[in-house]
């Protein structure tokens, strides 16, 4: 397995208690960010300039463009929290006060 081939275990089949970043290098390529976020390359670049929901910006070293694994995982965790909060509000029903 090379650095561009990553296996990300999420959902019900993921090992309980296993870190989400297990197997990920500290810096991710665009392919790896795409696999983690399930976003297409163009969507990743579009989200970096989104004022309401900005994806972390990459680090550049010469021609290499790499994203911090921790920043990308933090971004995904926050998106998950927002989804959960929206679902809780939806289930609570309309606020009639």
PDB file of N, CA and C in Angstrom:
ATOM      1  N   UNK A   1       0.854  -1.178   0.000  1.00  0.00           N
ATOM      2  CA  UNK A   1       0.000   0.000   0.000  1.00  0.00           C
ATOM      3  C   UNK A   1       0.894   1.233   0.000  1.00  0.00           C
ATOM      4  N   UNK A   2       0.645   2.144  -0.926  1.00  0.00           N
ATOM      5  CA  UNK A   2       1.444   3.368  -0.948  1.00  0.00           C
ATOM      6  C   UNK A   2       0.682   4.503  -0.278  1.00  0.00           C
ATOM      7  N   UNK A   3       1.298   5.665  -0.245  1.00  0.00           N
ATOM      8  CA  UNK A   3       0.713   6.806   0.479  1.00  0.00           C
ATOM      9  C   UNK A   3      -0.606   7.277  -0.129  1.00  0.00           C
ATOM     10  N   UNK A   4      -0.849   6.998  -1.414  1.00  0.00           N
ATOM     11  CA  UNK A   4      -2.095   7.434  -2.034  1.00  0.00           C
ATOM     12  C   UNK A   4      -3.234   6.457  -1.828  1.00  0.00           C
ATOM     13  N   UNK A   5      -2.925   5.245  -1.380  1.00  0.00           N
ATOM     14  CA  UNK A   5      -3.948   4.240  -1.122  1.00  0.00           C
ATOM     15  C   UNK A   5      -4.221   4.211   0.370  1.00  0.00           C
ATOM     16  N   UNK A   6      -5.393   4.684   0.757  1.00  0.00           N
ATOM     17  CA  UNK A   6      -5.720   4.716   2.172  1.00  0.00           C
ATOM     18  C   UNK A   6      -7.014   3.979   2.415  1.00  0.00           C
ATOM     19  N   UNK A   7      -7.091   3.392   3.562  1.00  0.00           N
ATOM     20  CA  UNK A   7      -8.330   2.725   3.973  1.00  0.00           C
ATOM     21  C   UNK A   7      -8.855   3.484   5.172  1.00  0.00           C
ATOM     22  N   UNK A   8     -10.052   3.971   5.066  1.00  0.00           N
ATOM     23  CA  UNK A   8     -10.652   4.733   6.144  1.00  0.00           C
ATOM     24  C   UNK A   8     -11.828   3.939   6.656  1.00  0.00           C
ATOM     25  N   UNK A   9     -11.777   3.588   7.934  1.00  0.00           N
ATOM     26  CA  UNK A   9     -12.853   2.811   8.513  1.00  0.00           C
ATOM     27  C   UNK A   9     -13.784   3.738   9.265  1.00  0.00           C
ATOM     28  N   UNK A  10     -14.999   3.823   8.780  1.00  0.00           N
ATOM     29  CA  UNK A  10     -16.013   4.620   9.453  1.00  0.00           C
ATOM     30  C   UNK A  10     -17.306   3.839   9.441  1.00  0.00           C
ATOM     31  N   UNK A  11     -18.262   4.294  10.193  1.00  0.00           N
ATOM     32  CA  UNK A  11     -19.567   3.652  10.208  1.00  0.00           C
ATOM     33  C   UNK A  11     -19.604   2.442  11.102  1.00  0.00           C
ATOM     34  N   UNK A  12     -20.632   1.599  10.952  1.00  0.00           N
ATOM     35  CA  UNK A  12     -20.846   0.492  11.868  1.00  0.00           C
ATOM     36  C   UNK A  12     -19.773  -0.582  11.796  1.00  0.00           C
ATOM     37  N   UNK A  13     -19.032  -0.688  10.681  1.00  0.00           N
ATOM     38  CA  UNK A  13     -18.013  -1.715  10.552  1.00  0.00           C
ATOM     39  C   UNK A  13     -16.658  -1.284  11.088  1.00  0.00           C
ATOM     40  N   UNK A  14     -16.525  -0.033  11.491  1.00  0.00           N
ATOM     41  CA  UNK A  14     -15.261   0.462  12.027  1.00  0.00           C
ATOM     42  C   UNK A  14     -15.019  -0.144  13.401  1.00  0.00           C
ATOM     43  N   UNK A  15     -13.771  -0.381  13.713  1.00  0.00           N
ATOM     44  CA  UNK A  15     -13.419  -0.940  15.013  1.00  0.00           C
ATOM     45  C   UNK A  15     -13.764   0.061  16.102  1.00  0.00           C
ATOM     46  N   UNK A  16     -14.417  -0.417  17.148  1.00  0.00           N
ATOM     47  CA  UNK A  16     -14.817   0.462  18.252  1.00  0.00           C
ATOM     48  C   UNK A  16     -13.578   0.980  18.960  1.00  0.00           C
ATOM     49  N   UNK A  17     -13.521   2.280  19.142  1.00  0.00           N
ATOM     50  CA  UNK A  17     -12.413   2.883  19.869  1.00  0.00           C
ATOM     51  C   UNK A  17     -11.165   3.110  19.034  1.00  0.00           C
ATOM     52  N   UNK A  18     -11.136   2.642  17.796  1.00  0.00           N
ATOM     53  CA  UNK A  18      -9.960   2.835  16.956  1.00  0.00           C
ATOM     54  C   UNK A  18      -9.918   4.285  16.494  1.00  0.00           C
ATOM     55  N   UNK A  19      -8.727   4.905  16.523  1.00  0.00           N
ATOM     56  CA  UNK A  19      -8.636   6.292  16.063  1.00  0.00           C
ATOM     57  C   UNK A  19      -9.031   6.391  14.600  1.00  0.00           C
ATOM     58  N   UNK A  20      -9.746   7.455  14.260  1.00  0.00           N
ATOM     59  CA  UNK A  20     -10.214   7.636  12.891  1.00  0.00           C
ATOM     60  C   UNK A  20      -9.048   7.867  11.938  1.00  0.00           C
ATOM     61  N   UNK A  21      -7.935   8.362  12.432  1.00  0.00           N
ATOM     62  CA  UNK A  21      -6.809   8.681  11.564  1.00  0.00           C
ATOM     63  C   UNK A  21      -5.809   7.542  11.442  1.00  0.00           C
ATOM     64  N   UNK A  22      -6.132   6.377  11.995  1.00  0.00           N
ATOM     65  CA  UNK A  22      -5.212   5.242  11.925  1.00  0.00           C
ATOM     66  C   UNK A  22      -4.922   4.909  10.463  1.00  0.00           C
ATOM     67  N   UNK A  23      -3.675   4.844  10.120  1.00  0.00           N
ATOM     68  CA  UNK A  23      -3.285   4.535   8.755  1.00  0.00           C
ATOM     69  C   UNK A  23      -3.111   5.750   7.864  1.00  0.00           C
ATOM     70  N   UNK A  24      -3.503   6.924   8.335  1.00  0.00           N
ATOM     71  CA  UNK A  24      -3.336   8.140   7.551  1.00  0.00           C
ATOM     72  C   UNK A  24      -2.016   8.807   7.903  1.00  0.00           C
ATOM     73  N   UNK A  25      -1.279   9.268   6.902  1.00  0.00           N
ATOM     74  CA  UNK A  25      -0.056  10.023   7.194  1.00  0.00           C
ATOM     75  C   UNK A  25      -0.413  11.394   7.760  1.00  0.00           C
ATOM     76  N   UNK A  26       0.537  12.090   8.376  1.00  0.00           N
ATOM     77  CA  UNK A  26       0.232  13.400   8.972  1.00  0.00           C
ATOM     78  C   UNK A  26      -0.160  14.460   7.950  1.00  0.00           C
ATOM     79  N   UNK A  27       0.258  14.300   6.706  1.00  0.00           N
ATOM     80  CA  UNK A  27      -0.108  15.247   5.654  1.00  0.00           C
ATOM     81  C   UNK A  27      -0.729  14.470   4.504  1.00  0.00           C
ATOM     82  N   UNK A  28      -1.850  14.988   3.985  1.00  0.00           N
ATOM     83  CA  UNK A  28      -2.638  14.280   2.995  1.00  0.00           C
ATOM     84  C   UNK A  28      -2.557  14.916   1.617  1.00  0.00           C
ATOM     85  N   UNK A  29      -2.574  14.082   0.592  1.00  0.00           N
ATOM     86  CA  UNK A  29      -2.637  14.552  -0.787  1.00  0.00           C
ATOM     87  C   UNK A  29      -4.096  14.873  -1.120  1.00  0.00           C
ATOM     88  N   UNK A  30      -4.327  15.449  -2.273  1.00  0.00           N
ATOM     89  CA  UNK A  30      -5.698  15.771  -2.695  1.00  0.00           C
ATOM     90  C   UNK A  30      -6.531  14.493  -2.800  1.00  0.00           C
ATOM     91  N   UNK A  31      -5.941  13.399  -3.257  1.00  0.00           N
ATOM     92  CA  UNK A  31      -6.674  12.131  -3.338  1.00  0.00           C
ATOM     93  C   UNK A  31      -7.094  11.643  -1.962  1.00  0.00           C
ATOM     94  N   UNK A  32      -6.201  11.773  -0.999  1.00  0.00           N
ATOM     95  CA  UNK A  32      -6.518  11.336   0.359  1.00  0.00           C
ATOM     96  C   UNK A  32      -7.581  12.223   0.990  1.00  0.00           C
ATOM     97  N   UNK A  33      -7.487  13.530   0.776  1.00  0.00           N
ATOM     98  CA  UNK A  33      -8.507  14.446   1.293  1.00  0.00           C
ATOM     99  C   UNK A  33      -9.854  14.115   0.652  1.00  0.00           C
ATOM    100  N   UNK A  34      -9.844  13.805  -0.624  1.00  0.00           N
ATOM    101  CA  UNK A  34     -11.062  13.427  -1.314  1.00  0.00           C
ATOM    102  C   UNK A  34     -11.658  12.149  -0.715  1.00  0.00           C
ATOM    103  N   UNK A  35     -10.819  11.188  -0.382  1.00  0.00           N
ATOM    104  CA  UNK A  35     -11.301   9.941   0.216  1.00  0.00           C
ATOM    105  C   UNK A  35     -11.870  10.175   1.612  1.00  0.00           C
ATOM    106  N   UNK A  36     -11.219  11.026   2.391  1.00  0.00           N
ATOM    107  CA  UNK A  36     -11.673  11.308   3.761  1.00  0.00           C
ATOM    108  C   UNK A  36     -12.989  12.080   3.748  1.00  0.00           C
ATOM    109  N   UNK A  37     -13.077  13.084   2.892  1.00  0.00           N
ATOM    110  CA  UNK A  37     -14.252  13.964   2.892  1.00  0.00           C
ATOM    111  C   UNK A  37     -15.350  13.487   1.957  1.00  0.00           C
ATOM    112  N   UNK A  38     -15.047  12.567   1.075  1.00  0.00           N
ATOM    113  CA  UNK A  38     -15.933  12.094   0.000  1.00  0.00           C
ATOM    114  C   UNK A  38     -16.331  13.217  -0.946  1.00  0.00           C
ATOM    115  N   UNK A  39     -15.492  14.230  -1.043  1.00  0.00           N
ATOM    116  CA  UNK A  39     -15.725  15.344  -1.963  1.00  0.00           C
ATOM    117  C   UNK A  39     -14.846  15.183  -3.198  1.00  0.00           C
ATOM    118  N   UNK A  40     -15.338  15.626  -4.325  1.00  0.00           N
ATOM    119  CA  UNK A  40     -14.545  15.648  -5.550  1.00  0.00           C
ATOM    120  C   UNK A  40     -13.469  16.731  -5.424  1.00  0.00           C
ATOM    121  N   UNK A  41     -12.444  16.603  -6.219  1.00  0.00           N
ATOM    122  CA  UNK A  41     -11.335  17.559  -6.207  1.00  0.00           C
ATOM    123  C   UNK A  41     -11.831  18.999  -6.354  1.00  0.00           C
ATOM    124  N   UNK A  42     -12.720  19.244  -7.314  1.00  0.00           N
ATOM    125  CA  UNK A  42     -13.218  20.604  -7.533  1.00  0.00           C
ATOM    126  C   UNK A  42     -14.008  21.100  -6.322  1.00  0.00           C
ATOM    127  N   UNK A  43     -14.758  20.217  -5.672  1.00  0.00           N
ATOM    128  CA  UNK A  43     -15.525  20.611  -4.486  1.00  0.00           C
ATOM    129  C   UNK A  43     -14.609  20.968  -3.325  1.00  0.00           C
ATOM    130  N   UNK A  44     -13.494  20.262  -3.212  1.00  0.00           N
ATOM    131  CA  UNK A  44     -12.527  20.574  -2.156  1.00  0.00           C
ATOM    132  C   UNK A  44     -12.016  21.994  -2.340  1.00  0.00           C
ATOM    133  N   UNK A  45     -11.596  22.333  -3.555  1.00  0.00           N
ATOM    134  CA  UNK A  45     -11.082  23.678  -3.809  1.00  0.00           C
ATOM    135  C   UNK A  45     -12.180  24.732  -3.663  1.00  0.00           C
ATOM    136  N   UNK A  46     -13.411  24.409  -4.056  1.00  0.00           N
ATOM    137  CA  UNK A  46     -14.519  25.355  -3.874  1.00  0.00           C
ATOM    138  C   UNK A  46     -14.801  25.588  -2.394  1.00  0.00           C
ATOM    139  N   UNK A  47     -14.751  24.548  -1.586  1.00  0.00           N
ATOM    140  CA  UNK A  47     -15.043  24.688  -0.158  1.00  0.00           C
ATOM    141  C   UNK A  47     -13.960  25.465   0.589  1.00  0.00           C
ATOM    142  N   UNK A  48     -12.752  25.490   0.058  1.00  0.00           N
ATOM    143  CA  UNK A  48     -11.692  26.254   0.721  1.00  0.00           C
ATOM    144  C   UNK A  48     -12.010  27.745   0.709  1.00  0.00           C
ATOM    145  N   UNK A  49     -12.759  28.207  -0.272  1.00  0.00           N
ATOM    146  CA  UNK A  49     -13.089  29.631  -0.342  1.00  0.00           C
ATOM    147  C   UNK A  49     -14.509  29.921   0.133  1.00  0.00           C
ATOM    148  N   UNK A  50     -15.198  28.933   0.673  1.00  0.00           N
ATOM    149  CA  UNK A  50     -16.556  29.104   1.189  1.00  0.00           C
ATOM    150  C   UNK A  50     -16.485  29.849   2.526  1.00  0.00           C
ATOM    151  N   UNK A  51     -17.131  30.993   2.616  1.00  0.00           N
ATOM    152  CA  UNK A  51     -17.067  31.818   3.834  1.00  0.00           C
ATOM    153  C   UNK A  51     -17.778  31.150   5.012  1.00  0.00           C
ATOM    154  N   UNK A  52     -18.869  30.429   4.765  1.00  0.00           N
ATOM    155  CA  UNK A  52     -19.639  29.819   5.849  1.00  0.00           C
ATOM    156  C   UNK A  52     -19.061  28.493   6.315  1.00  0.00           C
ATOM    157  N   UNK A  53     -18.429  27.746   5.427  1.00  0.00           N
ATOM    158  CA  UNK A  53     -17.968  26.402   5.740  1.00  0.00           C
ATOM    159  C   UNK A  53     -16.610  26.139   5.087  1.00  0.00           C
ATOM    160  N   UNK A  54     -15.571  26.858   5.520  1.00  0.00           N
ATOM    161  CA  UNK A  54     -14.291  26.734   4.815  1.00  0.00           C
ATOM    162  C   UNK A  54     -13.540  25.448   5.167  1.00  0.00           C
ATOM    163  N   UNK A  55     -13.144  24.724   4.154  1.00  0.00           N
ATOM    164  CA  UNK A  55     -12.262  23.574   4.319  1.00  0.00           C
ATOM    165  C   UNK A  55     -10.863  24.123   4.585  1.00  0.00           C
ATOM    166  N   UNK A  56     -10.088  23.476   5.444  1.00  0.00           N
ATOM    167  CA  UNK A  56      -8.738  23.992   5.722  1.00  0.00           C
ATOM    168  C   UNK A  56      -7.914  24.153   4.448  1.00  0.00           C
ATOM    169  N   UNK A  57      -7.080  25.151   4.454  1.00  0.00           N
ATOM    170  CA  UNK A  57      -6.203  25.413   3.307  1.00  0.00           C
ATOM    171  C   UNK A  57      -4.994  24.479   3.366  1.00  0.00           C
ATOM    172  N   UNK A  58      -4.468  24.120   2.194  1.00  0.00           N
ATOM    173  CA  UNK A  58      -3.314  23.218   2.166  1.00  0.00           C
ATOM    174  C   UNK A  58      -2.012  23.947   2.472  1.00  0.00           C
ATOM    175  N   UNK A  59      -1.020  23.151   2.790  1.00  0.00           N
ATOM    176  CA  UNK A  59       0.345  23.633   2.957  1.00  0.00           C
ATOM    177  C   UNK A  59       1.048  23.407   1.626  1.00  0.00           C
ATOM    178  N   UNK A  60       1.937  24.293   1.280  1.00  0.00           N
ATOM    179  CA  UNK A  60       2.649  24.145   0.013  1.00  0.00           C
ATOM    180  C   UNK A  60       4.142  24.075   0.276  1.00  0.00           C
ATOM    181  N   UNK A  61       4.786  23.127  -0.399  1.00  0.00           N
ATOM    182  CA  UNK A  61       6.234  22.982  -0.354  1.00  0.00           C
ATOM    183  C   UNK A  61       6.687  22.789  -1.795  1.00  0.00           C
ATOM    184  N   UNK A  62       7.099  23.873  -2.409  1.00  0.00           N
ATOM    185  CA  UNK A  62       7.429  23.801  -3.822  1.00  0.00           C
ATOM    186  C   UNK A  62       6.166  23.526  -4.607  1.00  0.00           C
ATOM    187  N   UNK A  63       6.160  22.447  -5.361  1.00  0.00           N
ATOM    188  CA  UNK A  63       4.978  22.082  -6.145  1.00  0.00           C
ATOM    189  C   UNK A  63       4.034  21.159  -5.385  1.00  0.00           C
ATOM    190  N   UNK A  64       4.462  20.682  -4.238  1.00  0.00           N
ATOM    191  CA  UNK A  64       3.624  19.767  -3.446  1.00  0.00           C
ATOM    192  C   UNK A  64       2.549  20.544  -2.706  1.00  0.00           C
ATOM    193  N   UNK A  65       1.351  19.992  -2.705  1.00  0.00           N
ATOM    194  CA  UNK A  65       0.229  20.577  -1.987  1.00  0.00           C
ATOM    195  C   UNK A  65      -0.289  19.499  -1.048  1.00  0.00           C
ATOM    196  N   UNK A  66      -0.237  19.775   0.256  1.00  0.00           N
ATOM    197  CA  UNK A  66      -0.620  18.785   1.253  1.00  0.00           C
ATOM    198  C   UNK A  66      -1.506  19.432   2.314  1.00  0.00           C
ATOM    199  N   UNK A  67      -2.464  18.677   2.821  1.00  0.00           N
ATOM    200  CA  UNK A  67      -3.350  19.136   3.881  1.00  0.00           C
ATOM    201  C   UNK A  67      -2.963  18.460   5.181  1.00  0.00           C
ATOM    202  N   UNK A  68      -3.080  19.179   6.266  1.00  0.00           N
ATOM    203  CA  UNK A  68      -2.836  18.601   7.585  1.00  0.00           C
ATOM    204  C   UNK A  68      -3.954  17.598   7.899  1.00  0.00           C
ATOM    205  N   UNK A  69      -3.580  16.371   8.207  1.00  0.00           N
ATOM    206  CA  UNK A  69      -4.548  15.334   8.551  1.00  0.00           C
ATOM    207  C   UNK A  69      -5.440  15.785   9.695  1.00  0.00           C
ATOM    208  N   UNK A  70      -4.838  16.359  10.737  1.00  0.00           N
ATOM    209  CA  UNK A  70      -5.603  16.759  11.915  1.00  0.00           C
ATOM    210  C   UNK A  70      -6.621  17.851  11.586  1.00  0.00           C
ATOM    211  N   UNK A  71      -6.247  18.813  10.735  1.00  0.00           N
ATOM    212  CA  UNK A  71      -7.180  19.869  10.355  1.00  0.00           C
ATOM    213  C   UNK A  71      -8.343  19.315   9.544  1.00  0.00           C
ATOM    214  N   UNK A  72      -8.067  18.394   8.639  1.00  0.00           N
ATOM    215  CA  UNK A  72      -9.131  17.804   7.818  1.00  0.00           C
ATOM    216  C   UNK A  72     -10.065  16.974   8.691  1.00  0.00           C
ATOM    217  N   UNK A  73      -9.516  16.197   9.612  1.00  0.00           N
ATOM    218  CA  UNK A  73     -10.360  15.387  10.497  1.00  0.00           C
ATOM    219  C   UNK A  73     -11.185  16.267  11.432  1.00  0.00           C
ATOM    220  N   UNK A  74     -10.600  17.383  11.903  1.00  0.00           N
ATOM    221  CA  UNK A  74     -11.342  18.334  12.739  1.00  0.00           C
ATOM    222  C   UNK A  74     -12.507  18.934  11.950  1.00  0.00           C
ATOM    223  N   UNK A  75     -12.257  19.279  10.691  1.00  0.00           N
ATOM    224  CA  UNK A  75     -13.293  19.810   9.809  1.00  0.00           C
ATOM    225  C   UNK A  75     -14.433  18.801   9.676  1.00  0.00           C
ATOM    226  N   UNK A  76     -14.090  17.548   9.445  1.00  0.00           N
ATOM    227  CA  UNK A  76     -15.115  16.517   9.276  1.00  0.00           C
ATOM    228  C   UNK A  76     -15.887  16.288  10.579  1.00  0.00           C
ATOM    229  N   UNK A  77     -15.198  16.334  11.707  1.00  0.00           N
ATOM    230  CA  UNK A  77     -15.871  16.141  12.991  1.00  0.00           C
ATOM    231  C   UNK A  77     -16.869  17.273  13.248  1.00  0.00           C
ATOM    232  N   UNK A  78     -16.485  18.506  12.898  1.00  0.00           N
ATOM    233  CA  UNK A  78     -17.385  19.644  13.081  1.00  0.00           C
ATOM    234  C   UNK A  78     -18.606  19.525  12.169  1.00  0.00           C
ATOM    235  N   UNK A  79     -18.413  19.063  10.934  1.00  0.00           N
ATOM    236  CA  UNK A  79     -19.546  18.857  10.033  1.00  0.00           C
ATOM    237  C   UNK A  79     -20.502  17.818  10.618  1.00  0.00           C
ATOM    238  N   UNK A  80     -19.941  16.797  11.237  1.00  0.00           N
ATOM    239  CA  UNK A  80     -20.760  15.753  11.858  1.00  0.00           C
ATOM    240  C   UNK A  80     -21.558  16.320  13.036  1.00  0.00           C
ATOM    241  N   UNK A  81     -20.917  17.151  13.844  1.00  0.00           N
ATOM    242  CA  UNK A  81     -21.615  17.780  14.979  1.00  0.00           C
ATOM    243  C   UNK A  81     -22.757  18.666  14.491  1.00  0.00           C
ATOM    244  N   UNK A  82     -22.512  19.443  13.446  1.00  0.00           N
ATOM    245  CA  UNK A  82     -23.557  20.312  12.897  1.00  0.00           C
ATOM    246  C   UNK A  82     -24.724  19.486  12.377  1.00  0.00           C
ATOM    247  N   UNK A  83     -24.426  18.387  11.722  1.00  0.00           N
ATOM    248  CA  UNK A  83     -25.491  17.507  11.232  1.00  0.00           C
ATOM    249  C   UNK A  83     -26.312  16.960  12.396  1.00  0.00           C
ATOM    250  N   UNK A  84     -25.630  16.534  13.468  1.00  0.00           N
ATOM    251  CA  UNK A  84     -26.323  15.994  14.639  1.00  0.00           C
ATOM    252  C   UNK A  84     -27.190  17.045  15.322  1.00  0.00           C
ATOM    253  N   UNK A  85     -26.676  18.289  15.421  1.00  0.00           N
ATOM    254  CA  UNK A  85     -27.457  19.367  16.033  1.00  0.00           C
ATOM    255  C   UNK A  85     -28.700  19.676  15.194  1.00  0.00           C
ATOM    256  N   UNK A  86     -28.541  19.695  13.880  1.00  0.00           N
ATOM    257  CA  UNK A  86     -29.682  19.961  12.994  1.00  0.00           C
ATOM    258  C   UNK A  86     -30.718  18.848  13.126  1.00  0.00           C
ATOM    259  N   UNK A  87     -30.271  17.617  13.228  1.00  0.00           N
ATOM    260  CA  UNK A  87     -31.189  16.488  13.384  1.00  0.00           C
ATOM    261  C   UNK A  87     -31.927  16.572  14.719  1.00  0.00           C
ATOM    262  N   UNK A  88     -31.226  16.961  15.786  1.00  0.00           N
ATOM    263  CA  UNK A  88     -31.867  17.100  17.095  1.00  0.00           C
ATOM    264  C   UNK A  88     -32.922  18.209  17.058  1.00  0.00           C
ATOM    265  N   UNK A  89     -32.619  19.329  16.381  1.00  0.00           N
ATOM    266  CA  UNK A  89     -33.599  20.416  16.255  1.00  0.00           C
ATOM    267  C   UNK A  89     -34.816  19.958  15.460  1.00  0.00           C
ATOM    268  N   UNK A  90     -34.569  19.197  14.406  1.00  0.00           N
ATOM    269  CA  UNK A  90     -35.680  18.699  13.585  1.00  0.00           C
ATOM    270  C   UNK A  90     -36.571  17.770  14.386  1.00  0.00           C
ATOM    271  N   UNK A  91     -35.976  16.889  15.184  1.00  0.00           N
ATOM    272  CA  UNK A  91     -36.750  15.952  15.971  1.00  0.00           C
ATOM    273  C   UNK A  91     -37.492  16.625  17.118  1.00  0.00           C
ATOM    274  N   UNK A  92     -36.959  17.745  17.608  1.00  0.00           N
ATOM    275  CA  UNK A  92     -37.608  18.460  18.720  1.00  0.00           C
ATOM    276  C   UNK A  92     -38.870  19.157  18.259  1.00  0.00           C
ATOM    277  N   UNK A  93     -39.009  19.364  16.979  1.00  0.00           N
ATOM    278  CA  UNK A  93     -40.209  20.012  16.466  1.00  0.00           C
ATOM    279  C   UNK A  93     -40.094  21.518  16.474  1.00  0.00           C
ATOM    280  N   UNK A  94     -41.128  22.190  16.032  1.00  0.00           N
ATOM    281  CA  UNK A  94     -41.083  23.659  15.951  1.00  0.00           C
ATOM    282  C   UNK A  94     -41.088  24.293  17.339  1.00  0.00           C
ATOM    283  N   UNK A  95     -40.363  25.398  17.445  1.00  0.00           N
ATOM    284  CA  UNK A  95     -40.323  26.158  18.697  1.00  0.00           C
ATOM    285  C   UNK A  95     -41.542  27.088  18.725  1.00  0.00           C
ATOM    286  N   UNK A  96     -42.490  26.804  19.580  1.00  0.00           N
ATOM    287  CA  UNK A  96     -43.736  27.578  19.629  1.00  0.00           C
ATOM    288  C   UNK A  96     -43.757  28.609  20.755  1.00  0.00           C
ATOM    289  N   UNK A  97     -42.621  28.850  21.367  1.00  0.00           N
ATOM    290  CA  UNK A  97     -42.604  29.816  22.464  1.00  0.00           C
ATOM    291  C   UNK A  97     -42.509  31.235  22.009  1.00  0.00           C
TER     292      UNK A  97
END
